[in-house]
Amino acid sequence: MTVRAIRGAISLDVDEKQHLHDRTRELVSALMQENGLTTDDVISAIFTVTPDIVSDFPAAAAREMGFGAVPLMCAQEIPVPGALPRIVRVMMHAEMDVPRDAVSHVYLRDAVALRRDLAQ
């Protein structure tokens, strides 16, 4: 197996804890499904949020999905003027038996604007 990095992002409509958890679950579920992964395949995940998200940590939602044994980290992004608001990003490292160009990166909702070439 080879370690691959999988990227993804999703937007929030509002900065509320339940909404953040729902959207984080949507993003992580899509990444897992698109890449045929189980939690045992995942080595670690790094979540970032734009500075306007303060209601909770995206990793808390991932832990609720069964990622309790996976090292998870959250960080705040730099406040770039004009950047999309209320965005959660993730970089997940996983053991995968596919070439790099076969990894599916997932960008959902308003976050499709970040990478139109990769958006689902």
N, C-alpha and C. Protein backbone atom coordinates (compact mmCIF):
# COMPACT_ATOMS: atom_id res chain seq x y z
N MET A 1 0.84 -1.19 0.00
CA MET A 1 0.00 0.00 0.00
C MET A 1 0.88 1.25 0.00
N THR A 2 0.34 2.29 -0.59
CA THR A 2 1.01 3.58 -0.65
C THR A 2 0.20 4.59 0.15
N VAL A 3 0.88 5.53 0.78
CA VAL A 3 0.18 6.60 1.48
C VAL A 3 -0.17 7.69 0.47
N ARG A 4 -1.42 8.06 0.43
CA ARG A 4 -1.90 9.13 -0.45
C ARG A 4 -2.57 10.22 0.38
N ALA A 5 -2.51 11.44 -0.12
CA ALA A 5 -3.20 12.57 0.50
C ALA A 5 -4.45 12.87 -0.32
N ILE A 6 -5.56 13.01 0.37
CA ILE A 6 -6.85 13.29 -0.27
C ILE A 6 -7.33 14.64 0.25
N ARG A 7 -7.69 15.52 -0.67
CA ARG A 7 -8.15 16.86 -0.30
C ARG A 7 -9.66 16.98 -0.49
N GLY A 8 -10.24 17.85 0.32
CA GLY A 8 -11.66 18.12 0.16
C GLY A 8 -12.04 19.40 0.88
N ALA A 9 -13.21 19.92 0.53
CA ALA A 9 -13.72 21.13 1.18
C ALA A 9 -15.23 21.19 1.02
N ILE A 10 -15.85 21.89 1.95
CA ILE A 10 -17.30 22.09 1.91
C ILE A 10 -17.60 23.44 2.55
N SER A 11 -18.68 24.06 2.15
CA SER A 11 -19.08 25.35 2.73
C SER A 11 -20.19 25.14 3.75
N LEU A 12 -20.29 26.09 4.67
CA LEU A 12 -21.39 26.14 5.63
C LEU A 12 -22.31 27.29 5.27
N ASP A 13 -23.57 27.14 5.57
CA ASP A 13 -24.52 28.24 5.40
C ASP A 13 -24.45 29.19 6.59
N VAL A 14 -24.27 28.61 7.78
CA VAL A 14 -24.18 29.37 9.02
C VAL A 14 -23.15 28.70 9.93
N ASP A 15 -22.58 29.48 10.84
CA ASP A 15 -21.63 28.92 11.79
C ASP A 15 -22.38 28.49 13.05
N GLU A 16 -22.96 27.30 12.98
CA GLU A 16 -23.64 26.70 14.12
C GLU A 16 -23.12 25.28 14.28
N LYS A 17 -22.95 24.85 15.52
CA LYS A 17 -22.32 23.57 15.82
C LYS A 17 -22.95 22.40 15.06
N GLN A 18 -24.26 22.26 15.11
CA GLN A 18 -24.90 21.12 14.45
C GLN A 18 -24.71 21.18 12.94
N HIS A 19 -24.81 22.37 12.37
CA HIS A 19 -24.62 22.53 10.93
C HIS A 19 -23.17 22.19 10.54
N LEU A 20 -22.22 22.63 11.35
CA LEU A 20 -20.82 22.29 11.11
C LEU A 20 -20.62 20.78 11.14
N HIS A 21 -21.20 20.12 12.13
CA HIS A 21 -21.07 18.67 12.23
C HIS A 21 -21.72 17.98 11.04
N ASP A 22 -22.91 18.43 10.65
CA ASP A 22 -23.60 17.82 9.50
C ASP A 22 -22.77 17.95 8.23
N ARG A 23 -22.25 19.15 7.97
CA ARG A 23 -21.47 19.36 6.74
C ARG A 23 -20.13 18.62 6.79
N THR A 24 -19.52 18.56 7.97
CA THR A 24 -18.27 17.81 8.08
C THR A 24 -18.51 16.34 7.80
N ARG A 25 -19.59 15.79 8.34
CA ARG A 25 -19.93 14.38 8.06
C ARG A 25 -20.19 14.18 6.57
N GLU A 26 -20.86 15.13 5.94
CA GLU A 26 -21.12 15.04 4.50
C GLU A 26 -19.81 14.98 3.72
N LEU A 27 -18.88 15.85 4.07
CA LEU A 27 -17.58 15.90 3.38
C LEU A 27 -16.78 14.63 3.61
N VAL A 28 -16.64 14.23 4.86
CA VAL A 28 -15.84 13.04 5.16
C VAL A 28 -16.47 11.79 4.55
N SER A 29 -17.79 11.67 4.61
CA SER A 29 -18.47 10.52 4.01
C SER A 29 -18.23 10.46 2.50
N ALA A 30 -18.29 11.61 1.84
CA ALA A 30 -18.05 11.65 0.39
C ALA A 30 -16.62 11.26 0.05
N LEU A 31 -15.65 11.76 0.82
CA LEU A 31 -14.25 11.40 0.60
C LEU A 31 -14.04 9.90 0.76
N MET A 32 -14.62 9.34 1.81
CA MET A 32 -14.47 7.92 2.08
C MET A 32 -15.12 7.08 0.97
N GLN A 33 -16.34 7.46 0.60
CA GLN A 33 -17.07 6.69 -0.42
C GLN A 33 -16.40 6.80 -1.78
N GLU A 34 -16.03 8.00 -2.19
CA GLU A 34 -15.41 8.19 -3.51
C GLU A 34 -14.09 7.44 -3.65
N ASN A 35 -13.41 7.22 -2.54
CA ASN A 35 -12.10 6.57 -2.57
C ASN A 35 -12.13 5.14 -2.04
N GLY A 36 -13.31 4.64 -1.71
CA GLY A 36 -13.45 3.26 -1.25
C GLY A 36 -12.69 2.97 0.04
N LEU A 37 -12.72 3.92 0.97
CA LEU A 37 -11.95 3.80 2.20
C LEU A 37 -12.79 3.38 3.39
N THR A 38 -12.13 2.77 4.37
CA THR A 38 -12.70 2.55 5.69
C THR A 38 -11.85 3.34 6.67
N THR A 39 -12.31 3.47 7.90
CA THR A 39 -11.53 4.21 8.88
C THR A 39 -10.18 3.54 9.14
N ASP A 40 -10.09 2.23 8.94
CA ASP A 40 -8.80 1.54 9.12
C ASP A 40 -7.78 1.95 8.08
N ASP A 41 -8.22 2.46 6.93
CA ASP A 41 -7.30 2.90 5.88
C ASP A 41 -6.73 4.29 6.17
N VAL A 42 -7.41 5.06 7.00
CA VAL A 42 -7.04 6.46 7.23
C VAL A 42 -5.94 6.54 8.29
N ILE A 43 -4.86 7.24 7.94
CA ILE A 43 -3.72 7.41 8.84
C ILE A 43 -3.91 8.64 9.71
N SER A 44 -4.34 9.75 9.10
CA SER A 44 -4.56 10.99 9.84
C SER A 44 -5.39 11.94 8.99
N ALA A 45 -5.91 12.98 9.62
CA ALA A 45 -6.65 14.00 8.89
C ALA A 45 -6.39 15.36 9.55
N ILE A 46 -6.18 16.35 8.70
CA ILE A 46 -5.98 17.72 9.14
C ILE A 46 -7.14 18.55 8.59
N PHE A 47 -7.90 19.14 9.49
CA PHE A 47 -9.01 20.00 9.11
C PHE A 47 -8.59 21.45 9.28
N THR A 48 -8.99 22.31 8.35
CA THR A 48 -8.84 23.75 8.53
C THR A 48 -10.20 24.40 8.35
N VAL A 49 -10.37 25.54 9.00
CA VAL A 49 -11.60 26.31 8.85
C VAL A 49 -11.23 27.76 8.62
N THR A 50 -12.08 28.46 7.91
CA THR A 50 -11.88 29.90 7.74
C THR A 50 -12.12 30.57 9.09
N PRO A 51 -11.55 31.77 9.29
CA PRO A 51 -11.63 32.43 10.60
C PRO A 51 -13.04 32.73 11.09
N ASP A 52 -14.03 32.65 10.21
CA ASP A 52 -15.41 32.95 10.63
C ASP A 52 -16.14 31.73 11.18
N ILE A 53 -15.45 30.59 11.31
CA ILE A 53 -16.04 29.40 11.92
C ILE A 53 -15.43 29.21 13.30
N VAL A 54 -16.28 29.36 14.32
CA VAL A 54 -15.82 29.24 15.71
C VAL A 54 -16.76 28.38 16.57
N SER A 55 -17.78 27.80 15.97
CA SER A 55 -18.79 27.07 16.75
C SER A 55 -18.29 25.74 17.31
N ASP A 56 -17.35 25.10 16.65
CA ASP A 56 -16.81 23.83 17.14
C ASP A 56 -15.68 23.39 16.21
N PHE A 57 -15.09 22.25 16.55
CA PHE A 57 -14.01 21.68 15.74
C PHE A 57 -14.58 20.65 14.77
N PRO A 58 -14.22 20.70 13.49
CA PRO A 58 -14.67 19.67 12.55
C PRO A 58 -14.24 18.26 12.99
N ALA A 59 -13.11 18.15 13.65
CA ALA A 59 -12.65 16.83 14.11
C ALA A 59 -13.65 16.19 15.07
N ALA A 60 -14.41 16.99 15.81
CA ALA A 60 -15.41 16.43 16.72
C ALA A 60 -16.46 15.64 15.94
N ALA A 61 -16.85 16.14 14.79
CA ALA A 61 -17.81 15.41 13.95
C ALA A 61 -17.19 14.14 13.40
N ALA A 62 -15.92 14.19 13.01
CA ALA A 62 -15.24 13.00 12.51
C ALA A 62 -15.15 11.93 13.59
N ARG A 63 -14.87 12.35 14.82
CA ARG A 63 -14.80 11.38 15.92
C ARG A 63 -16.15 10.69 16.11
N GLU A 64 -17.24 11.45 15.96
CA GLU A 64 -18.58 10.87 16.07
C GLU A 64 -18.84 9.84 14.97
N MET A 65 -18.10 9.93 13.87
CA MET A 65 -18.26 9.00 12.75
C MET A 65 -17.40 7.75 12.91
N GLY A 66 -16.63 7.65 13.99
CA GLY A 66 -15.81 6.47 14.19
C GLY A 66 -14.33 6.69 13.98
N PHE A 67 -13.90 7.94 13.90
CA PHE A 67 -12.49 8.26 13.71
C PHE A 67 -11.75 8.49 15.03
N GLY A 68 -12.25 7.93 16.13
CA GLY A 68 -11.66 8.16 17.43
C GLY A 68 -10.22 7.71 17.55
N ALA A 69 -9.83 6.66 16.82
CA ALA A 69 -8.46 6.14 16.89
C ALA A 69 -7.54 6.77 15.84
N VAL A 70 -8.09 7.64 14.99
CA VAL A 70 -7.32 8.29 13.93
C VAL A 70 -6.82 9.64 14.44
N PRO A 71 -5.52 9.94 14.31
CA PRO A 71 -5.05 11.26 14.71
C PRO A 71 -5.71 12.36 13.86
N LEU A 72 -6.34 13.30 14.52
CA LEU A 72 -7.04 14.40 13.86
C LEU A 72 -6.51 15.72 14.39
N MET A 73 -6.45 16.72 13.52
CA MET A 73 -5.99 18.05 13.94
C MET A 73 -6.86 19.10 13.26
N CYS A 74 -7.09 20.19 13.96
CA CYS A 74 -7.82 21.33 13.40
C CYS A 74 -6.95 22.57 13.48
N ALA A 75 -7.08 23.44 12.48
CA ALA A 75 -6.35 24.70 12.46
C ALA A 75 -7.21 25.75 11.77
N GLN A 76 -6.92 27.00 12.09
CA GLN A 76 -7.60 28.11 11.43
C GLN A 76 -6.75 28.59 10.27
N GLU A 77 -7.41 28.86 9.15
CA GLU A 77 -6.71 29.37 7.96
C GLU A 77 -6.35 30.84 8.12
N ILE A 78 -5.43 31.29 7.29
CA ILE A 78 -5.09 32.70 7.31
C ILE A 78 -6.25 33.50 6.71
N PRO A 79 -6.52 34.69 7.22
CA PRO A 79 -7.66 35.48 6.76
C PRO A 79 -7.34 36.25 5.46
N VAL A 80 -7.43 35.57 4.35
CA VAL A 80 -7.14 36.18 3.06
C VAL A 80 -8.34 37.04 2.62
N PRO A 81 -8.13 38.31 2.33
CA PRO A 81 -9.23 39.17 1.88
C PRO A 81 -9.87 38.60 0.61
N GLY A 82 -11.19 38.55 0.60
CA GLY A 82 -11.92 38.07 -0.57
C GLY A 82 -12.08 36.55 -0.65
N ALA A 83 -11.54 35.82 0.32
CA ALA A 83 -11.68 34.36 0.31
C ALA A 83 -13.13 33.97 0.58
N LEU A 84 -13.50 32.79 0.14
CA LEU A 84 -14.85 32.30 0.41
C LEU A 84 -15.07 32.19 1.92
N PRO A 85 -16.23 32.61 2.39
CA PRO A 85 -16.51 32.50 3.82
C PRO A 85 -16.99 31.10 4.21
N ARG A 86 -16.85 30.78 5.48
CA ARG A 86 -17.39 29.56 6.09
C ARG A 86 -17.02 28.29 5.32
N ILE A 87 -15.74 28.05 5.17
CA ILE A 87 -15.25 26.87 4.46
C ILE A 87 -14.51 25.95 5.43
N VAL A 88 -14.83 24.67 5.34
CA VAL A 88 -14.10 23.61 6.05
C VAL A 88 -13.31 22.85 5.00
N ARG A 89 -12.00 22.72 5.24
CA ARG A 89 -11.15 21.93 4.35
C ARG A 89 -10.58 20.76 5.13
N VAL A 90 -10.22 19.71 4.40
CA VAL A 90 -9.57 18.57 5.03
C VAL A 90 -8.49 18.03 4.11
N MET A 91 -7.39 17.60 4.70
CA MET A 91 -6.40 16.79 4.00
C MET A 91 -6.29 15.50 4.80
N MET A 92 -6.70 14.43 4.16
CA MET A 92 -6.72 13.12 4.79
C MET A 92 -5.59 12.28 4.21
N HIS A 93 -4.83 11.62 5.05
CA HIS A 93 -3.77 10.71 4.61
C HIS A 93 -4.27 9.29 4.79
N ALA A 94 -4.17 8.48 3.74
CA ALA A 94 -4.71 7.12 3.80
C ALA A 94 -3.83 6.15 3.03
N GLU A 95 -3.90 4.91 3.43
CA GLU A 95 -3.24 3.85 2.69
C GLU A 95 -4.18 3.45 1.55
N MET A 96 -3.65 3.57 0.33
CA MET A 96 -4.47 3.30 -0.85
C MET A 96 -3.63 2.55 -1.88
N ASP A 97 -4.27 1.64 -2.56
CA ASP A 97 -3.58 0.87 -3.59
C ASP A 97 -3.98 1.39 -4.97
N VAL A 98 -3.80 2.71 -5.16
CA VAL A 98 -4.14 3.34 -6.45
C VAL A 98 -3.04 4.35 -6.80
N PRO A 99 -2.86 4.62 -8.09
CA PRO A 99 -1.90 5.67 -8.45
C PRO A 99 -2.42 7.04 -8.01
N ARG A 100 -1.50 7.98 -7.88
CA ARG A 100 -1.84 9.33 -7.40
C ARG A 100 -2.97 9.97 -8.22
N ASP A 101 -2.97 9.77 -9.53
CA ASP A 101 -3.99 10.42 -10.35
C ASP A 101 -5.37 9.74 -10.25
N ALA A 102 -5.46 8.65 -9.51
CA ALA A 102 -6.75 7.98 -9.32
C ALA A 102 -7.41 8.37 -8.00
N VAL A 103 -6.74 9.19 -7.19
CA VAL A 103 -7.33 9.65 -5.94
C VAL A 103 -8.44 10.65 -6.25
N SER A 104 -9.58 10.49 -5.59
CA SER A 104 -10.71 11.41 -5.80
C SER A 104 -10.73 12.47 -4.72
N HIS A 105 -10.50 13.71 -5.11
CA HIS A 105 -10.60 14.86 -4.21
C HIS A 105 -12.03 15.39 -4.33
N VAL A 106 -12.61 15.80 -3.22
CA VAL A 106 -14.04 16.14 -3.19
C VAL A 106 -14.25 17.57 -2.71
N TYR A 107 -14.88 18.38 -3.52
CA TYR A 107 -15.23 19.76 -3.19
C TYR A 107 -16.74 19.90 -3.36
N LEU A 108 -17.43 20.26 -2.29
CA LEU A 108 -18.89 20.25 -2.27
C LEU A 108 -19.48 21.63 -1.98
N ARG A 109 -20.71 21.79 -2.46
CA ARG A 109 -21.49 23.02 -2.24
C ARG A 109 -20.73 24.23 -2.77
N ASP A 110 -20.67 25.34 -2.05
CA ASP A 110 -19.99 26.53 -2.56
C ASP A 110 -18.48 26.33 -2.71
N ALA A 111 -17.95 25.32 -2.06
CA ALA A 111 -16.51 25.05 -2.14
C ALA A 111 -16.08 24.53 -3.51
N VAL A 112 -17.03 24.20 -4.38
CA VAL A 112 -16.65 23.79 -5.74
C VAL A 112 -15.89 24.91 -6.44
N ALA A 113 -16.14 26.15 -6.04
CA ALA A 113 -15.44 27.28 -6.66
C ALA A 113 -13.94 27.27 -6.36
N LEU A 114 -13.53 26.56 -5.33
CA LEU A 114 -12.11 26.51 -4.97
C LEU A 114 -11.30 25.69 -5.96
N ARG A 115 -11.90 24.64 -6.49
CA ARG A 115 -11.20 23.76 -7.43
C ARG A 115 -12.20 23.20 -8.42
N ARG A 116 -12.61 24.01 -9.36
CA ARG A 116 -13.60 23.56 -10.34
C ARG A 116 -13.11 22.34 -11.14
N ASP A 117 -11.79 22.21 -11.26
CA ASP A 117 -11.24 21.07 -11.99
C ASP A 117 -11.40 19.75 -11.22
N LEU A 118 -11.65 19.84 -9.91
CA LEU A 118 -11.77 18.63 -9.09
C LEU A 118 -13.17 18.44 -8.50
N ALA A 119 -14.03 19.42 -8.61
CA ALA A 119 -15.32 19.41 -7.92
C ALA A 119 -16.16 18.22 -8.32
N GLN A 120 -16.92 17.73 -7.33
CA GLN A 120 -17.81 16.60 -7.55
C GLN A 120 -19.18 17.10 -7.92
